[in-house]
C-alpha atoms as a PDB file:
ATOM      1  CA  MET A   1      27.807 -56.242  66.448  1.00  0.00           C
ATOM      2  CA  ALA A   2      30.914 -54.101  66.621  1.00  0.00           C
ATOM      3  CA  ARG A   3      32.124 -53.374  70.121  1.00  0.00           C
ATOM      4  CA  TRP A   4      34.131 -50.285  69.261  1.00  0.00           C
ATOM      5  CA  ALA A   5      35.042 -48.254  66.255  1.00  0.00           C
ATOM      6  CA  PRO A   6      36.540 -44.784  66.043  1.00  0.00           C
ATOM      7  CA  ASP A   7      33.542 -43.410  64.143  1.00  0.00           C
ATOM      8  CA  THR A   8      30.829 -44.984  66.322  1.00  0.00           C
ATOM      9  CA  LYS A   9      29.253 -41.723  67.483  1.00  0.00           C
ATOM     10  CA  GLU A  10      29.062 -40.404  63.937  1.00  0.00           C
ATOM     11  CA  ARG A  11      27.624 -43.705  62.680  1.00  0.00           C
ATOM     12  CA  LEU A  12      24.959 -43.499  65.373  1.00  0.00           C
ATOM     13  CA  ARG A  13      24.157 -39.909  64.346  1.00  0.00           C
ATOM     14  CA  GLU A  14      23.915 -40.863  60.679  1.00  0.00           C
ATOM     15  CA  ALA A  15      21.720 -43.883  61.404  1.00  0.00           C
ATOM     16  CA  ALA A  16      19.447 -41.833  63.649  1.00  0.00           C
ATOM     17  CA  MET A  17      19.105 -39.011  61.109  1.00  0.00           C
ATOM     18  CA  GLN A  18      18.281 -41.473  58.338  1.00  0.00           C
ATOM     19  CA  LEU A  19      15.589 -43.058  60.484  1.00  0.00           C
ATOM     20  CA  PHE A  20      14.210 -39.734  61.740  1.00  0.00           C
ATOM     21  CA  THR A  21      13.917 -38.598  58.131  1.00  0.00           C
ATOM     22  CA  GLU A  22      12.331 -41.851  56.971  1.00  0.00           C
ATOM     23  CA  ARG A  23       9.995 -42.532  59.896  1.00  0.00           C
ATOM     24  CA  GLY A  24       9.844 -39.387  61.981  1.00  0.00           C
ATOM     25  CA  PHE A  25      11.359 -38.749  65.377  1.00  0.00           C
ATOM     26  CA  GLU A  26       8.599 -40.297  67.489  1.00  0.00           C
ATOM     27  CA  ALA A  27       8.375 -43.482  65.414  1.00  0.00           C
ATOM     28  CA  THR A  28      12.134 -44.109  65.670  1.00  0.00           C
ATOM     29  CA  THR A  29      13.392 -46.057  68.682  1.00  0.00           C
ATOM     30  CA  VAL A  30      16.856 -46.504  70.138  1.00  0.00           C
ATOM     31  CA  PRO A  31      16.805 -50.207  69.109  1.00  0.00           C
ATOM     32  CA  ASP A  32      16.071 -49.072  65.534  1.00  0.00           C
ATOM     33  CA  ILE A  33      19.047 -46.724  65.631  1.00  0.00           C
ATOM     34  CA  VAL A  34      21.512 -49.247  67.043  1.00  0.00           C
ATOM     35  CA  GLU A  35      20.408 -51.887  64.571  1.00  0.00           C
ATOM     36  CA  ARG A  36      20.943 -49.498  61.654  1.00  0.00           C
ATOM     37  CA  ALA A  37      24.337 -48.398  63.040  1.00  0.00           C
ATOM     38  CA  GLY A  38      25.448 -51.956  63.777  1.00  0.00           C
ATOM     39  CA  VAL A  39      26.245 -51.391  67.457  1.00  0.00           C
ATOM     40  CA  THR A  40      24.749 -52.395  70.786  1.00  0.00           C
ATOM     41  CA  ARG A  41      22.181 -50.478  72.826  1.00  0.00           C
ATOM     42  CA  ARG A  42      24.822 -50.056  75.513  1.00  0.00           C
ATOM     43  CA  THR A  43      27.110 -48.383  72.981  1.00  0.00           C
ATOM     44  CA  PHE A  44      24.339 -45.932  72.095  1.00  0.00           C
ATOM     45  CA  PHE A  45      23.972 -44.921  75.737  1.00  0.00           C
ATOM     46  CA  ARG A  46      27.724 -44.461  76.088  1.00  0.00           C
ATOM     47  CA  HIS A  47      27.427 -41.669  73.540  1.00  0.00           C
ATOM     48  CA  PHE A  48      23.915 -40.266  74.084  1.00  0.00           C
ATOM     49  CA  ALA A  49      21.606 -39.960  77.087  1.00  0.00           C
ATOM     50  CA  ASP A  50      18.565 -40.441  74.832  1.00  0.00           C
ATOM     51  CA  LYS A  51      17.590 -40.084  71.188  1.00  0.00           C
ATOM     52  CA  ARG A  52      17.090 -36.301  71.524  1.00  0.00           C
ATOM     53  CA  GLU A  53      20.763 -35.939  72.331  1.00  0.00           C
ATOM     54  CA  VAL A  54      21.622 -37.142  68.825  1.00  0.00           C
ATOM     55  CA  PHE A  55      20.811 -33.538  67.865  1.00  0.00           C
ATOM     56  CA  PHE A  56      22.116 -31.709  70.892  1.00  0.00           C
ATOM     57  CA  SER A  57      25.113 -33.474  72.429  1.00  0.00           C
ATOM     58  CA  GLY A  58      28.553 -32.095  71.861  1.00  0.00           C
ATOM     59  CA  ASP A  59      27.341 -28.594  71.031  1.00  0.00           C
ATOM     60  CA  GLU A  60      30.575 -26.642  71.086  1.00  0.00           C
ATOM     61  CA  ILE A  61      29.150 -23.274  70.038  1.00  0.00           C
ATOM     62  CA  PRO A  62      28.767 -21.906  73.602  1.00  0.00           C
ATOM     63  CA  ARG A  63      32.380 -22.873  74.365  1.00  0.00           C
ATOM     64  CA  LEU A  64      33.562 -21.251  71.122  1.00  0.00           C
ATOM     65  CA  ALA A  65      31.557 -18.113  71.932  1.00  0.00           C
ATOM     66  CA  ALA A  66      33.106 -17.866  75.397  1.00  0.00           C
ATOM     67  CA  ARG A  67      36.595 -18.240  73.935  1.00  0.00           C
ATOM     68  CA  MET A  68      35.841 -15.666  71.210  1.00  0.00           C
ATOM     69  CA  LEU A  69      34.717 -13.117  73.814  1.00  0.00           C
ATOM     70  CA  ALA A  70      37.735 -13.757  76.019  1.00  0.00           C
ATOM     71  CA  ASP A  71      40.174 -13.451  73.099  1.00  0.00           C
ATOM     72  CA  ALA A  72      38.634 -10.410  71.353  1.00  0.00           C
ATOM     73  CA  PRO A  73      40.594  -7.149  71.413  1.00  0.00           C
ATOM     74  CA  ALA A  74      39.607  -4.923  74.330  1.00  0.00           C
ATOM     75  CA  ASP A  75      38.512  -2.081  72.048  1.00  0.00           C
ATOM     76  CA  MET A  76      36.252  -4.224  69.844  1.00  0.00           C
ATOM     77  CA  SER A  77      32.541  -3.385  70.156  1.00  0.00           C
ATOM     78  CA  PRO A  78      30.205  -6.049  71.567  1.00  0.00           C
ATOM     79  CA  PHE A  79      28.302  -6.458  68.298  1.00  0.00           C
ATOM     80  CA  SER A  80      31.496  -6.562  66.222  1.00  0.00           C
ATOM     81  CA  ILE A  81      32.680  -9.464  68.348  1.00  0.00           C
ATOM     82  CA  ALA A  82      29.402 -11.313  67.807  1.00  0.00           C
ATOM     83  CA  TRP A  83      29.346 -10.536  64.078  1.00  0.00           C
ATOM     84  CA  THR A  84      32.915 -11.758  63.566  1.00  0.00           C
ATOM     85  CA  GLY A  85      32.063 -14.940  65.467  1.00  0.00           C
ATOM     86  CA  LEU A  86      28.887 -15.566  63.474  1.00  0.00           C
ATOM     87  CA  GLN A  87      30.733 -15.220  60.181  1.00  0.00           C
ATOM     88  CA  ALA A  88      33.443 -17.626  61.353  1.00  0.00           C
ATOM     89  CA  LEU A  89      30.841 -20.153  62.541  1.00  0.00           C
ATOM     90  CA  ALA A  90      29.051 -19.917  59.212  1.00  0.00           C
ATOM     91  CA  ALA A  91      32.179 -20.615  57.192  1.00  0.00           C
ATOM     92  CA  ASP A  92      33.881 -23.153  59.449  1.00  0.00           C
ATOM     93  CA  ARG A  93      31.127 -25.073  61.223  1.00  0.00           C
ATOM     94  CA  PHE A  94      27.883 -24.777  59.283  1.00  0.00           C
ATOM     95  CA  GLU A  95      28.638 -24.529  55.553  1.00  0.00           C
ATOM     96  CA  PRO A  96      30.518 -27.844  55.367  1.00  0.00           C
ATOM     97  CA  ARG A  97      27.489 -29.591  56.960  1.00  0.00           C
ATOM     98  CA  ARG A  98      24.673 -27.866  55.073  1.00  0.00           C
ATOM     99  CA  ASP A  99      22.696 -30.988  54.073  1.00  0.00           C
ATOM    100  CA  GLU A 100      23.016 -32.558  57.518  1.00  0.00           C
ATOM    101  CA  ILE A 101      21.939 -29.354  59.266  1.00  0.00           C
ATOM    102  CA  ALA A 102      19.001 -28.806  56.900  1.00  0.00           C
ATOM    103  CA  ALA A 103      17.786 -32.369  57.522  1.00  0.00           C
ATOM    104  CA  ALA A 104      18.170 -31.953  61.278  1.00  0.00           C
ATOM    105  CA  ARG A 105      16.312 -28.626  61.135  1.00  0.00           C
ATOM    106  CA  ARG A 106      13.345 -30.291  59.404  1.00  0.00           C
ATOM    107  CA  VAL A 107      13.171 -32.999  62.072  1.00  0.00           C
ATOM    108  CA  ILE A 108      13.491 -30.470  64.906  1.00  0.00           C
ATOM    109  CA  ASP A 109      10.793 -28.248  63.407  1.00  0.00           C
ATOM    110  CA  ALA A 110       8.400 -31.215  63.212  1.00  0.00           C
ATOM    111  CA  GLU A 111       8.835 -32.320  66.845  1.00  0.00           C
ATOM    112  CA  PRO A 112       7.718 -30.153  69.813  1.00  0.00           C
ATOM    113  CA  ALA A 113      10.119 -31.779  72.303  1.00  0.00           C
ATOM    114  CA  LEU A 114      13.037 -31.075  69.990  1.00  0.00           C
ATOM    115  CA  ARG A 115      11.919 -27.476  69.414  1.00  0.00           C
ATOM    116  CA  GLU A 116      11.820 -27.003  73.177  1.00  0.00           C
ATOM    117  CA  ARG A 117      15.361 -28.362  73.531  1.00  0.00           C
ATOM    118  CA  ASP A 118      16.498 -26.163  70.629  1.00  0.00           C
ATOM    119  CA  LEU A 119      15.086 -23.092  72.411  1.00  0.00           C
ATOM    120  CA  GLN A 120      17.000 -24.119  75.533  1.00  0.00           C
ATOM    121  CA  LYS A 121      20.210 -24.299  73.486  1.00  0.00           C
ATOM    122  CA  GLN A 122      19.552 -20.770  72.248  1.00  0.00           C
ATOM    123  CA  ALA A 123      18.972 -19.578  75.829  1.00  0.00           C
ATOM    124  CA  ASP A 124      22.212 -21.260  76.928  1.00  0.00           C
ATOM    125  CA  LEU A 125      24.149 -19.508  74.165  1.00  0.00           C
ATOM    126  CA  ARG A 126      22.564 -16.177  75.091  1.00  0.00           C
ATOM    127  CA  ALA A 127      23.621 -16.708  78.731  1.00  0.00           C
ATOM    128  CA  VAL A 128      27.223 -17.464  77.711  1.00  0.00           C
ATOM    129  CA  LEU A 129      27.332 -14.325  75.583  1.00  0.00           C
ATOM    130  CA  VAL A 130      25.885 -12.153  78.347  1.00  0.00           C
ATOM    131  CA  GLU A 131      28.385 -13.558  80.837  1.00  0.00           C
ATOM    132  CA  GLY A 132      31.261 -12.916  78.441  1.00  0.00           C
ATOM    133  CA  TYR A 133      30.141  -9.355  77.718  1.00  0.00           C
ATOM    134  CA  LEU A 134      29.739  -8.613  81.420  1.00  0.00           C
ATOM    135  CA  ALA A 135      33.264  -9.936  82.035  1.00  0.00           C
ATOM    136  CA  ARG A 136      34.461  -7.439  79.410  1.00  0.00           C
ATOM    137  CA  GLY A 137      32.782  -4.601  81.318  1.00  0.00           C
ATOM    138  CA  VAL A 138      29.771  -4.178  79.029  1.00  0.00           C
ATOM    139  CA  GLU A 139      26.776  -2.684  80.839  1.00  0.00           C
ATOM    140  CA  SER A 140      24.167  -5.327  81.746  1.00  0.00           C
ATOM    141  CA  LEU A 141      21.322  -4.116  79.507  1.00  0.00           C
ATOM    142  CA  HIS A 142      23.674  -3.713  76.537  1.00  0.00           C
ATOM    143  CA  ALA A 143      25.109  -7.195  77.142  1.00  0.00           C
ATOM    144  CA  ARG A 144      21.614  -8.728  77.180  1.00  0.00           C
ATOM    145  CA  VAL A 145      20.458  -6.857  74.084  1.00  0.00           C
ATOM    146  CA  VAL A 146      23.533  -7.640  71.982  1.00  0.00           C
ATOM    147  CA  ALA A 147      23.488 -11.296  73.067  1.00  0.00           C
ATOM    148  CA  GLY A 148      19.777 -11.562  72.256  1.00  0.00           C
ATOM    149  CA  VAL A 149      20.183  -9.912  68.868  1.00  0.00           C
ATOM    150  CA  ALA A 150      23.169 -12.116  68.009  1.00  0.00           C
ATOM    151  CA  VAL A 151      21.343 -15.340  68.892  1.00  0.00           C
ATOM    152  CA  GLU A 152      18.194 -14.282  67.043  1.00  0.00           C
ATOM    153  CA  LEU A 153      20.238 -13.223  64.015  1.00  0.00           C
ATOM    154  CA  LEU A 154      21.966 -16.620  63.946  1.00  0.00           C
ATOM    155  CA  GLN A 155      18.753 -18.581  64.426  1.00  0.00           C
ATOM    156  CA  THR A 156      16.821 -16.675  61.769  1.00  0.00           C
ATOM    157  CA  ALA A 157      19.658 -16.935  59.257  1.00  0.00           C
ATOM    158  CA  LEU A 158      20.083 -20.664  59.967  1.00  0.00           C
ATOM    159  CA  GLU A 159      16.379 -21.301  59.444  1.00  0.00           C
ATOM    160  CA  ARG A 160      16.379 -19.418  56.139  1.00  0.00           C
ATOM    161  CA  TRP A 161      19.601 -21.077  54.992  1.00  0.00           C
ATOM    162  CA  ALA A 162      18.351 -24.581  55.843  1.00  0.00           C
ATOM    163  CA  ALA A 163      15.125 -23.965  53.914  1.00  0.00           C
ATOM    164  CA  ASP A 164      16.879 -22.349  50.937  1.00  0.00           C
ATOM    165  CA  GLY A 165      17.428 -24.771  48.093  1.00  0.00           C
ATOM    166  CA  SER A 166      19.419 -22.303  45.995  1.00  0.00           C
ATOM    167  CA  GLY A 167      22.763 -22.964  47.681  1.00  0.00           C
ATOM    168  CA  THR A 168      23.142 -19.396  48.941  1.00  0.00           C
ATOM    169  CA  PRO A 169      25.892 -19.424  51.582  1.00  0.00           C
ATOM    170  CA  LEU A 170      24.949 -18.950  55.226  1.00  0.00           C
ATOM    171  CA  ARG A 171      27.146 -15.847  55.386  1.00  0.00           C
ATOM    172  CA  GLU A 172      24.865 -14.180  52.822  1.00  0.00           C
ATOM    173  CA  HIS A 173      21.801 -15.122  54.854  1.00  0.00           C
ATOM    174  CA  LEU A 174      23.471 -13.667  57.947  1.00  0.00           C
ATOM    175  CA  GLU A 175      24.138 -10.413  56.112  1.00  0.00           C
ATOM    176  CA  ARG A 176      20.551 -10.178  54.833  1.00  0.00           C
ATOM    177  CA  VAL A 177      19.096 -10.826  58.270  1.00  0.00           C
ATOM    178  CA  ARG A 178      21.492  -8.294  59.835  1.00  0.00           C
ATOM    179  CA  ARG A 179      20.379  -5.640  57.340  1.00  0.00           C
ATOM    180  CA  GLU A 180      16.701  -6.455  57.901  1.00  0.00           C
ATOM    181  CA  MET A 181      17.113  -6.313  61.673  1.00  0.00           C
ATOM    182  CA  ALA A 182      18.929  -2.989  61.416  1.00  0.00           C
ATOM    183  CA  ALA A 183      16.104  -1.595  59.267  1.00  0.00           C
ATOM    184  CA  VAL A 184      13.473  -2.799  61.732  1.00  0.00           C
ATOM    185  CA  LEU A 185      15.373  -1.314  64.682  1.00  0.00           C
ATOM    186  CA  GLY A 186      15.856   1.972  62.826  1.00  0.00           C
END
């Protein structure tokens, strides 16, 4: 088995996703993943704490959100900052990985432990946004509401986009969900 290769983490992710799709999350073991990826068990654990982390390690969105809030013009409204960031994420991070994200979404939706971890990721992002808004001087309730709306908007649009076989871009799903949320909120 290969001791090291520059694409090892990605190979492990690809092998895991193939197996999760073929067999299901619970039926797939770490030995199955390392065998498919052609690496050792030790190599797997250098990159991931456990098989759940194949989905959740290296999530850079909270870091990007914190940077976006820190760099935004002082006069930009809290929601405008979030909206600009969501559109950039859609174009730069999500669209190029549509098939991978849709497959991951199906596996996550089918596994309660993964759904729980996904909800924790959403809560972590919300907390980063609230912290960033508070640092900008946004009132606490407003910071919590805008952060909550932004995370829910992203999650709902991602779920629709991943389930949509028509190829509609994520940015269009974001816009639809934003309009629907605005209509609901009056």
